Amino acid sequence: MSNSYVASVNDSSEYEVSPKAISQLDVISVNEDTYHVIQDKRSTTVTITSADLTHKIYNIRVGNNSYRVVLLDEVDQLIRKMGFSIGQSKLVNSLEAPMPGLILDVQVGAGEAVKEGDTLLILSAMKMENSILSPRDGVIRTVHVAKNDAIDKGQLLIEFEA
């Protein structure tokens, strides 16, 4: 993984943010939430007015302008390509494997109530453990995998009650 991000700004524009681009910024911390940034010989002040680290949502002020920035890492981008996104998550009735791998742990069972963001299962893929999170609040209808199952990309993992 290259650690590149996509920054969605005000739900209207998207920018790729690479480690190389970040390394070219001159950033000095003024205080806990305010930074002095120099890019291409231009200077500006950036203040983080709020941060939701779990969902990677930040409200920032650049000069006199305010922006809502959502950072999407490579896993978030993959999930988006699969058709999941904020606002559409309430429509999700089944969860498919985002990649092939091995189920290390199943943390839910049929009939169990879950909240959006709860860990449903742990998937080992590409030498990494990946927590598969619930895309919505709901009740688990069926769990189609068990611990130590080898799975394929796109395989049905969990179904939610409608």
N, C-alpha and C. Protein backbone atom coordinates (compact mmCIF):
# COMPACT_ATOMS: atom_id res chain seq x y z
N MET A 1 0.84 -1.18 0.00
CA MET A 1 0.00 0.00 0.00
C MET A 1 0.88 1.24 0.00
N SER A 2 0.46 2.24 -0.72
CA SER A 2 1.30 3.41 -0.89
C SER A 2 1.01 4.52 0.10
N ASN A 3 0.03 4.35 0.97
CA ASN A 3 -0.35 5.36 1.96
C ASN A 3 -0.86 6.64 1.33
N SER A 4 -1.36 6.59 0.10
CA SER A 4 -1.94 7.79 -0.50
C SER A 4 -3.39 7.90 -0.05
N TYR A 5 -3.89 9.11 -0.03
CA TYR A 5 -5.25 9.40 0.40
C TYR A 5 -5.98 10.16 -0.69
N VAL A 6 -7.29 10.12 -0.62
CA VAL A 6 -8.13 11.03 -1.40
C VAL A 6 -8.79 11.92 -0.37
N ALA A 7 -8.70 13.23 -0.59
CA ALA A 7 -9.34 14.19 0.30
C ALA A 7 -10.58 14.72 -0.40
N SER A 8 -11.75 14.43 0.19
CA SER A 8 -13.01 14.94 -0.32
C SER A 8 -13.30 16.24 0.42
N VAL A 9 -13.44 17.33 -0.32
CA VAL A 9 -13.61 18.65 0.28
C VAL A 9 -15.02 19.14 0.01
N ASN A 10 -15.76 19.41 1.09
CA ASN A 10 -17.14 19.90 1.03
C ASN A 10 -18.04 19.03 0.17
N ASP A 11 -17.74 17.74 0.10
CA ASP A 11 -18.53 16.78 -0.68
C ASP A 11 -18.67 17.18 -2.14
N SER A 12 -17.74 18.03 -2.65
CA SER A 12 -17.88 18.47 -4.03
C SER A 12 -16.60 18.32 -4.85
N SER A 13 -15.45 18.34 -4.20
CA SER A 13 -14.18 18.21 -4.91
C SER A 13 -13.34 17.15 -4.24
N GLU A 14 -12.54 16.45 -5.03
CA GLU A 14 -11.64 15.44 -4.49
C GLU A 14 -10.23 15.69 -5.00
N TYR A 15 -9.26 15.45 -4.09
CA TYR A 15 -7.86 15.65 -4.41
C TYR A 15 -7.07 14.45 -3.92
N GLU A 16 -6.15 13.96 -4.76
CA GLU A 16 -5.26 12.88 -4.31
C GLU A 16 -4.15 13.51 -3.48
N VAL A 17 -3.89 12.89 -2.34
CA VAL A 17 -2.87 13.38 -1.42
C VAL A 17 -1.85 12.26 -1.25
N SER A 18 -0.66 12.47 -1.80
CA SER A 18 0.39 11.45 -1.73
C SER A 18 1.41 11.83 -0.67
N PRO A 19 2.16 10.84 -0.18
CA PRO A 19 3.23 11.16 0.77
C PRO A 19 4.23 12.15 0.20
N LYS A 20 4.48 12.06 -1.12
CA LYS A 20 5.42 13.00 -1.75
C LYS A 20 4.89 14.43 -1.68
N ALA A 21 3.59 14.62 -1.96
CA ALA A 21 3.00 15.96 -1.90
C ALA A 21 3.05 16.51 -0.48
N ILE A 22 2.79 15.66 0.49
CA ILE A 22 2.83 16.10 1.88
C ILE A 22 4.25 16.50 2.28
N SER A 23 5.24 15.73 1.80
CA SER A 23 6.63 16.04 2.16
C SER A 23 7.10 17.36 1.57
N GLN A 24 6.42 17.87 0.55
CA GLN A 24 6.80 19.13 -0.08
C GLN A 24 6.19 20.34 0.62
N LEU A 25 5.34 20.10 1.62
CA LEU A 25 4.77 21.20 2.39
C LEU A 25 5.72 21.59 3.52
N ASP A 26 5.76 22.87 3.83
CA ASP A 26 6.51 23.37 4.98
C ASP A 26 5.46 23.72 6.03
N VAL A 27 5.37 22.91 7.09
CA VAL A 27 4.33 23.07 8.10
C VAL A 27 4.96 23.30 9.46
N ILE A 28 4.50 24.34 10.14
CA ILE A 28 4.97 24.65 11.49
C ILE A 28 3.75 24.73 12.39
N SER A 29 3.79 24.00 13.48
CA SER A 29 2.69 24.03 14.45
C SER A 29 2.75 25.34 15.24
N VAL A 30 1.64 26.09 15.21
CA VAL A 30 1.55 27.34 15.97
C VAL A 30 1.04 27.04 17.37
N ASN A 31 0.02 26.19 17.45
CA ASN A 31 -0.48 25.66 18.72
C ASN A 31 -1.13 24.32 18.42
N GLU A 32 -1.90 23.81 19.36
CA GLU A 32 -2.44 22.45 19.24
C GLU A 32 -3.26 22.23 17.96
N ASP A 33 -4.03 23.22 17.52
CA ASP A 33 -4.92 23.05 16.36
C ASP A 33 -4.62 23.98 15.19
N THR A 34 -3.60 24.79 15.29
CA THR A 34 -3.31 25.77 14.24
C THR A 34 -1.91 25.57 13.69
N TYR A 35 -1.82 25.67 12.35
CA TYR A 35 -0.55 25.42 11.67
C TYR A 35 -0.28 26.53 10.67
N HIS A 36 0.99 26.84 10.51
CA HIS A 36 1.44 27.78 9.49
C HIS A 36 1.98 26.92 8.35
N VAL A 37 1.40 27.07 7.14
CA VAL A 37 1.74 26.22 6.01
C VAL A 37 2.29 27.08 4.87
N ILE A 38 3.42 26.63 4.32
CA ILE A 38 3.99 27.28 3.13
C ILE A 38 4.03 26.24 2.02
N GLN A 39 3.38 26.60 0.90
CA GLN A 39 3.39 25.74 -0.28
C GLN A 39 3.58 26.61 -1.50
N ASP A 40 4.51 26.24 -2.34
CA ASP A 40 4.81 27.01 -3.56
C ASP A 40 5.03 28.49 -3.24
N LYS A 41 5.79 28.76 -2.19
CA LYS A 41 6.15 30.12 -1.77
C LYS A 41 4.96 30.95 -1.32
N ARG A 42 3.81 30.28 -1.03
CA ARG A 42 2.64 30.97 -0.50
C ARG A 42 2.44 30.53 0.94
N SER A 43 2.14 31.49 1.79
CA SER A 43 1.98 31.23 3.22
C SER A 43 0.51 31.35 3.62
N THR A 44 0.04 30.46 4.48
CA THR A 44 -1.33 30.54 4.98
C THR A 44 -1.39 29.91 6.37
N THR A 45 -2.45 30.24 7.08
CA THR A 45 -2.71 29.65 8.39
C THR A 45 -3.87 28.68 8.26
N VAL A 46 -3.69 27.48 8.82
CA VAL A 46 -4.71 26.44 8.79
C VAL A 46 -5.06 26.08 10.22
N THR A 47 -6.36 26.11 10.53
CA THR A 47 -6.82 25.75 11.87
C THR A 47 -7.80 24.59 11.75
N ILE A 48 -7.58 23.55 12.55
CA ILE A 48 -8.51 22.43 12.62
C ILE A 48 -9.56 22.80 13.66
N THR A 49 -10.79 23.06 13.20
CA THR A 49 -11.85 23.49 14.12
C THR A 49 -12.57 22.33 14.77
N SER A 50 -12.58 21.15 14.11
CA SER A 50 -13.10 19.93 14.73
C SER A 50 -12.54 18.74 13.98
N ALA A 51 -12.44 17.61 14.71
CA ALA A 51 -11.88 16.40 14.09
C ALA A 51 -12.60 15.18 14.63
N ASP A 52 -13.07 14.34 13.71
CA ASP A 52 -13.65 13.04 14.04
C ASP A 52 -12.65 12.02 13.52
N LEU A 53 -11.74 11.59 14.40
CA LEU A 53 -10.65 10.72 13.98
C LEU A 53 -11.15 9.34 13.53
N THR A 54 -12.23 8.86 14.12
CA THR A 54 -12.76 7.55 13.76
C THR A 54 -13.21 7.52 12.30
N HIS A 55 -13.92 8.56 11.87
CA HIS A 55 -14.44 8.61 10.50
C HIS A 55 -13.56 9.43 9.57
N LYS A 56 -12.45 9.96 10.09
CA LYS A 56 -11.49 10.77 9.33
C LYS A 56 -12.17 11.98 8.68
N ILE A 57 -13.00 12.68 9.48
CA ILE A 57 -13.70 13.87 9.01
C ILE A 57 -13.15 15.07 9.80
N TYR A 58 -12.72 16.09 9.08
CA TYR A 58 -12.11 17.26 9.70
C TYR A 58 -12.79 18.52 9.18
N ASN A 59 -13.06 19.45 10.06
CA ASN A 59 -13.49 20.78 9.66
C ASN A 59 -12.29 21.68 9.88
N ILE A 60 -11.88 22.36 8.80
CA ILE A 60 -10.70 23.21 8.88
C ILE A 60 -11.02 24.61 8.37
N ARG A 61 -10.23 25.54 8.84
CA ARG A 61 -10.33 26.92 8.36
C ARG A 61 -8.99 27.28 7.75
N VAL A 62 -9.02 27.69 6.49
CA VAL A 62 -7.83 28.13 5.78
C VAL A 62 -8.04 29.60 5.48
N GLY A 63 -7.28 30.45 6.16
CA GLY A 63 -7.53 31.89 6.05
C GLY A 63 -8.91 32.17 6.60
N ASN A 64 -9.77 32.77 5.78
CA ASN A 64 -11.14 33.08 6.20
C ASN A 64 -12.17 32.08 5.68
N ASN A 65 -11.73 31.01 5.02
CA ASN A 65 -12.63 30.03 4.44
C ASN A 65 -12.66 28.75 5.27
N SER A 66 -13.87 28.17 5.43
CA SER A 66 -14.02 26.92 6.17
C SER A 66 -14.32 25.78 5.21
N TYR A 67 -13.78 24.59 5.51
CA TYR A 67 -13.94 23.43 4.66
C TYR A 67 -14.21 22.19 5.52
N ARG A 68 -15.00 21.27 4.96
CA ARG A 68 -15.20 19.96 5.57
C ARG A 68 -14.41 18.98 4.71
N VAL A 69 -13.43 18.32 5.34
CA VAL A 69 -12.53 17.42 4.61
C VAL A 69 -12.70 16.01 5.15
N VAL A 70 -12.94 15.07 4.23
CA VAL A 70 -13.02 13.66 4.58
C VAL A 70 -11.84 12.98 3.90
N LEU A 71 -11.00 12.30 4.70
CA LEU A 71 -9.85 11.59 4.14
C LEU A 71 -10.22 10.14 3.90
N LEU A 72 -9.92 9.66 2.71
CA LEU A 72 -10.18 8.27 2.35
C LEU A 72 -8.85 7.58 2.09
N ASP A 73 -8.51 6.58 2.92
CA ASP A 73 -7.29 5.82 2.65
C ASP A 73 -7.60 4.77 1.59
N GLU A 74 -6.65 3.91 1.29
CA GLU A 74 -6.85 2.95 0.20
C GLU A 74 -7.97 1.97 0.50
N VAL A 75 -8.13 1.58 1.76
CA VAL A 75 -9.23 0.66 2.12
C VAL A 75 -10.57 1.38 1.95
N ASP A 76 -10.66 2.64 2.40
CA ASP A 76 -11.89 3.42 2.22
C ASP A 76 -12.24 3.55 0.74
N GLN A 77 -11.23 3.77 -0.09
CA GLN A 77 -11.46 3.91 -1.52
C GLN A 77 -11.96 2.60 -2.12
N LEU A 78 -11.42 1.48 -1.66
CA LEU A 78 -11.87 0.17 -2.11
C LEU A 78 -13.32 -0.07 -1.70
N ILE A 79 -13.66 0.27 -0.47
CA ILE A 79 -15.03 0.11 0.01
C ILE A 79 -15.98 0.97 -0.82
N ARG A 80 -15.56 2.19 -1.15
CA ARG A 80 -16.39 3.07 -1.98
C ARG A 80 -16.62 2.45 -3.35
N LYS A 81 -15.56 1.85 -3.94
CA LYS A 81 -15.70 1.21 -5.26
C LYS A 81 -16.69 0.04 -5.21
N MET A 82 -16.81 -0.58 -4.02
CA MET A 82 -17.74 -1.69 -3.85
C MET A 82 -19.18 -1.20 -3.73
N GLY A 83 -19.36 0.12 -3.65
CA GLY A 83 -20.71 0.65 -3.60
C GLY A 83 -21.16 1.14 -2.25
N PHE A 84 -20.29 1.08 -1.25
CA PHE A 84 -20.64 1.60 0.07
C PHE A 84 -20.20 3.05 0.15
N SER A 85 -21.01 3.88 0.80
CA SER A 85 -20.59 5.25 1.07
C SER A 85 -21.48 5.83 2.15
N ILE A 86 -21.01 6.90 2.75
CA ILE A 86 -21.78 7.58 3.78
C ILE A 86 -23.08 8.07 3.15
N GLY A 87 -24.18 7.86 3.83
CA GLY A 87 -25.48 8.26 3.30
C GLY A 87 -26.18 7.12 2.61
N GLN A 88 -25.42 6.23 1.99
CA GLN A 88 -26.01 5.07 1.35
C GLN A 88 -25.96 3.86 2.26
N SER A 89 -25.23 3.95 3.36
CA SER A 89 -25.01 2.79 4.22
C SER A 89 -26.30 2.21 4.76
N LYS A 90 -27.35 3.00 4.92
CA LYS A 90 -28.62 2.51 5.44
C LYS A 90 -29.26 1.51 4.48
N LEU A 91 -28.85 1.53 3.21
CA LEU A 91 -29.43 0.65 2.21
C LEU A 91 -28.74 -0.70 2.12
N VAL A 92 -27.62 -0.87 2.82
CA VAL A 92 -26.83 -2.08 2.72
C VAL A 92 -27.52 -3.22 3.47
N ASN A 93 -27.83 -4.30 2.77
CA ASN A 93 -28.47 -5.46 3.39
C ASN A 93 -27.57 -6.67 3.42
N SER A 94 -26.41 -6.59 2.76
CA SER A 94 -25.46 -7.70 2.80
C SER A 94 -24.05 -7.13 2.72
N LEU A 95 -23.11 -7.91 3.19
CA LEU A 95 -21.71 -7.50 3.22
C LEU A 95 -20.90 -8.56 2.51
N GLU A 96 -20.11 -8.13 1.51
CA GLU A 96 -19.28 -9.04 0.74
C GLU A 96 -17.81 -8.79 1.06
N ALA A 97 -16.99 -9.79 0.83
CA ALA A 97 -15.56 -9.69 1.09
C ALA A 97 -14.91 -8.68 0.15
N PRO A 98 -14.19 -7.70 0.71
CA PRO A 98 -13.52 -6.70 -0.14
C PRO A 98 -12.28 -7.25 -0.83
N MET A 99 -11.78 -8.41 -0.34
CA MET A 99 -10.57 -9.02 -0.89
C MET A 99 -10.51 -10.47 -0.43
N PRO A 100 -9.74 -11.30 -1.10
CA PRO A 100 -9.60 -12.68 -0.64
C PRO A 100 -8.79 -12.73 0.64
N GLY A 101 -9.01 -13.75 1.45
CA GLY A 101 -8.24 -13.88 2.68
C GLY A 101 -8.74 -15.01 3.55
N LEU A 102 -8.39 -14.92 4.83
CA LEU A 102 -8.73 -15.94 5.81
C LEU A 102 -9.46 -15.28 6.97
N ILE A 103 -10.61 -15.83 7.36
CA ILE A 103 -11.37 -15.30 8.49
C ILE A 103 -10.66 -15.71 9.78
N LEU A 104 -10.18 -14.71 10.55
CA LEU A 104 -9.51 -14.98 11.81
C LEU A 104 -10.48 -15.03 12.99
N ASP A 105 -11.56 -14.25 12.90
CA ASP A 105 -12.51 -14.19 14.01
C ASP A 105 -13.85 -13.67 13.50
N VAL A 106 -14.92 -14.24 14.01
CA VAL A 106 -16.27 -13.76 13.74
C VAL A 106 -16.81 -13.26 15.07
N GLN A 107 -17.15 -11.97 15.14
CA GLN A 107 -17.52 -11.36 16.41
C GLN A 107 -19.02 -11.13 16.58
N VAL A 108 -19.82 -11.60 15.62
CA VAL A 108 -21.28 -11.44 15.70
C VAL A 108 -21.96 -12.75 15.32
N GLY A 109 -23.23 -12.85 15.68
CA GLY A 109 -24.01 -14.02 15.31
C GLY A 109 -25.39 -13.60 14.84
N ALA A 110 -26.12 -14.53 14.27
CA ALA A 110 -27.47 -14.27 13.78
C ALA A 110 -28.34 -13.76 14.92
N GLY A 111 -29.13 -12.73 14.62
CA GLY A 111 -30.04 -12.16 15.61
C GLY A 111 -29.42 -11.08 16.48
N GLU A 112 -28.13 -10.86 16.34
CA GLU A 112 -27.44 -9.87 17.17
C GLU A 112 -27.60 -8.47 16.58
N ALA A 113 -27.90 -7.50 17.45
CA ALA A 113 -28.01 -6.10 17.03
C ALA A 113 -26.61 -5.48 17.00
N VAL A 114 -26.34 -4.71 15.94
CA VAL A 114 -25.05 -4.05 15.80
C VAL A 114 -25.27 -2.57 15.46
N LYS A 115 -24.27 -1.78 15.76
CA LYS A 115 -24.27 -0.35 15.42
C LYS A 115 -23.28 -0.13 14.28
N GLU A 116 -23.50 0.92 13.51
CA GLU A 116 -22.57 1.28 12.45
C GLU A 116 -21.18 1.46 13.06
N GLY A 117 -20.18 0.83 12.46
CA GLY A 117 -18.81 0.93 12.93
C GLY A 117 -18.39 -0.20 13.86
N ASP A 118 -19.33 -1.04 14.32
CA ASP A 118 -18.97 -2.19 15.15
C ASP A 118 -18.17 -3.19 14.32
N THR A 119 -17.21 -3.85 14.95
CA THR A 119 -16.43 -4.88 14.26
C THR A 119 -17.29 -6.13 14.12
N LEU A 120 -17.42 -6.61 12.89
CA LEU A 120 -18.20 -7.82 12.62
C LEU A 120 -17.31 -9.05 12.55
N LEU A 121 -16.16 -8.90 11.87
CA LEU A 121 -15.22 -10.00 11.77
C LEU A 121 -13.84 -9.47 11.45
N ILE A 122 -12.85 -10.35 11.64
CA ILE A 122 -11.46 -10.00 11.35
C ILE A 122 -11.02 -10.85 10.17
N LEU A 123 -10.50 -10.18 9.14
CA LEU A 123 -10.06 -10.83 7.91
C LEU A 123 -8.55 -10.65 7.77
N SER A 124 -7.84 -11.74 7.58
CA SER A 124 -6.41 -11.68 7.30
C SER A 124 -6.24 -11.69 5.80
N ALA A 125 -5.62 -10.62 5.29
CA ALA A 125 -5.39 -10.51 3.85
C ALA A 125 -4.13 -9.70 3.62
N MET A 126 -3.32 -10.09 2.67
CA MET A 126 -2.09 -9.38 2.34
C MET A 126 -1.21 -9.17 3.57
N LYS A 127 -1.12 -10.20 4.41
CA LYS A 127 -0.29 -10.21 5.62
C LYS A 127 -0.72 -9.16 6.63
N MET A 128 -1.99 -8.73 6.57
CA MET A 128 -2.51 -7.75 7.51
C MET A 128 -3.84 -8.24 8.05
N GLU A 129 -4.13 -7.86 9.31
CA GLU A 129 -5.43 -8.13 9.89
C GLU A 129 -6.32 -6.94 9.60
N ASN A 130 -7.49 -7.20 9.02
CA ASN A 130 -8.42 -6.13 8.65
C ASN A 130 -9.73 -6.33 9.41
N SER A 131 -10.13 -5.31 10.16
CA SER A 131 -11.42 -5.36 10.85
C SER A 131 -12.49 -5.00 9.83
N ILE A 132 -13.47 -5.87 9.66
CA ILE A 132 -14.60 -5.59 8.79
C ILE A 132 -15.69 -5.02 9.68
N LEU A 133 -16.05 -3.75 9.42
CA LEU A 133 -16.97 -3.01 10.27
C LEU A 133 -18.37 -3.00 9.70
N SER A 134 -19.33 -2.86 10.58
CA SER A 134 -20.72 -2.78 10.14
C SER A 134 -20.96 -1.46 9.40
N PRO A 135 -21.53 -1.50 8.21
CA PRO A 135 -21.80 -0.28 7.46
C PRO A 135 -23.06 0.44 7.93
N ARG A 136 -23.80 -0.17 8.89
CA ARG A 136 -25.06 0.44 9.34
C ARG A 136 -25.48 -0.14 10.68
N ASP A 137 -26.43 0.52 11.31
CA ASP A 137 -27.10 -0.05 12.47
C ASP A 137 -28.06 -1.11 11.95
N GLY A 138 -28.20 -2.20 12.69
CA GLY A 138 -29.14 -3.22 12.25
C GLY A 138 -29.02 -4.50 13.04
N VAL A 139 -29.69 -5.52 12.54
CA VAL A 139 -29.68 -6.84 13.16
C VAL A 139 -29.12 -7.82 12.14
N ILE A 140 -28.22 -8.68 12.59
CA ILE A 140 -27.61 -9.68 11.71
C ILE A 140 -28.63 -10.77 11.42
N ARG A 141 -28.89 -11.01 10.14
CA ARG A 141 -29.80 -12.09 9.74
C ARG A 141 -29.03 -13.41 9.67
N THR A 142 -27.92 -13.41 8.91
CA THR A 142 -27.16 -14.63 8.69
C THR A 142 -25.67 -14.31 8.60
N VAL A 143 -24.85 -15.15 9.21
CA VAL A 143 -23.40 -15.08 9.05
C VAL A 143 -23.01 -16.27 8.18
N HIS A 144 -22.41 -16.00 7.03
CA HIS A 144 -22.12 -17.04 6.05
C HIS A 144 -20.70 -17.59 6.13
N VAL A 145 -19.90 -17.12 7.10
CA VAL A 145 -18.53 -17.59 7.24
C VAL A 145 -18.27 -17.96 8.70
N ALA A 146 -17.20 -18.72 8.88
CA ALA A 146 -16.78 -19.12 10.23
C ALA A 146 -15.27 -18.91 10.35
N LYS A 147 -14.80 -18.94 11.59
CA LYS A 147 -13.37 -18.80 11.85
C LYS A 147 -12.60 -19.84 11.04
N ASN A 148 -11.49 -19.39 10.46
CA ASN A 148 -10.57 -20.21 9.65
C ASN A 148 -11.08 -20.51 8.24
N ASP A 149 -12.21 -19.92 7.81
CA ASP A 149 -12.66 -20.07 6.43
C ASP A 149 -11.77 -19.25 5.50
N ALA A 150 -11.39 -19.86 4.37
CA ALA A 150 -10.71 -19.12 3.30
C ALA A 150 -11.82 -18.54 2.42
N ILE A 151 -11.72 -17.24 2.11
CA ILE A 151 -12.77 -16.60 1.32
C ILE A 151 -12.21 -15.95 0.07
N ASP A 152 -13.08 -15.74 -0.89
CA ASP A 152 -12.74 -15.07 -2.14
C ASP A 152 -13.30 -13.66 -2.14
N LYS A 153 -12.70 -12.81 -2.94
CA LYS A 153 -13.21 -11.45 -3.11
C LYS A 153 -14.65 -11.53 -3.62
N GLY A 154 -15.53 -10.74 -3.00
CA GLY A 154 -16.92 -10.70 -3.43
C GLY A 154 -17.80 -11.75 -2.78
N GLN A 155 -17.21 -12.64 -2.00
CA GLN A 155 -18.00 -13.70 -1.35
C GLN A 155 -18.91 -13.08 -0.29
N LEU A 156 -20.14 -13.57 -0.21
CA LEU A 156 -21.10 -13.08 0.78
C LEU A 156 -20.62 -13.48 2.18
N LEU A 157 -20.51 -12.48 3.06
CA LEU A 157 -20.05 -12.71 4.42
C LEU A 157 -21.20 -12.68 5.42
N ILE A 158 -21.98 -11.60 5.36
CA ILE A 158 -23.03 -11.37 6.36
C ILE A 158 -24.24 -10.74 5.67
N GLU A 159 -25.44 -11.14 6.11
CA GLU A 159 -26.67 -10.51 5.66
C GLU A 159 -27.33 -9.84 6.86
N PHE A 160 -27.93 -8.67 6.62
CA PHE A 160 -28.67 -7.93 7.63
C PHE A 160 -30.16 -8.13 7.42
N GLU A 161 -30.92 -8.04 8.51
CA GLU A 161 -32.38 -8.04 8.37
C GLU A 161 -32.78 -6.71 7.73
N ALA A 162 -33.80 -6.75 6.89
CA ALA A 162 -34.25 -5.54 6.19
C ALA A 162 -34.86 -4.53 7.13
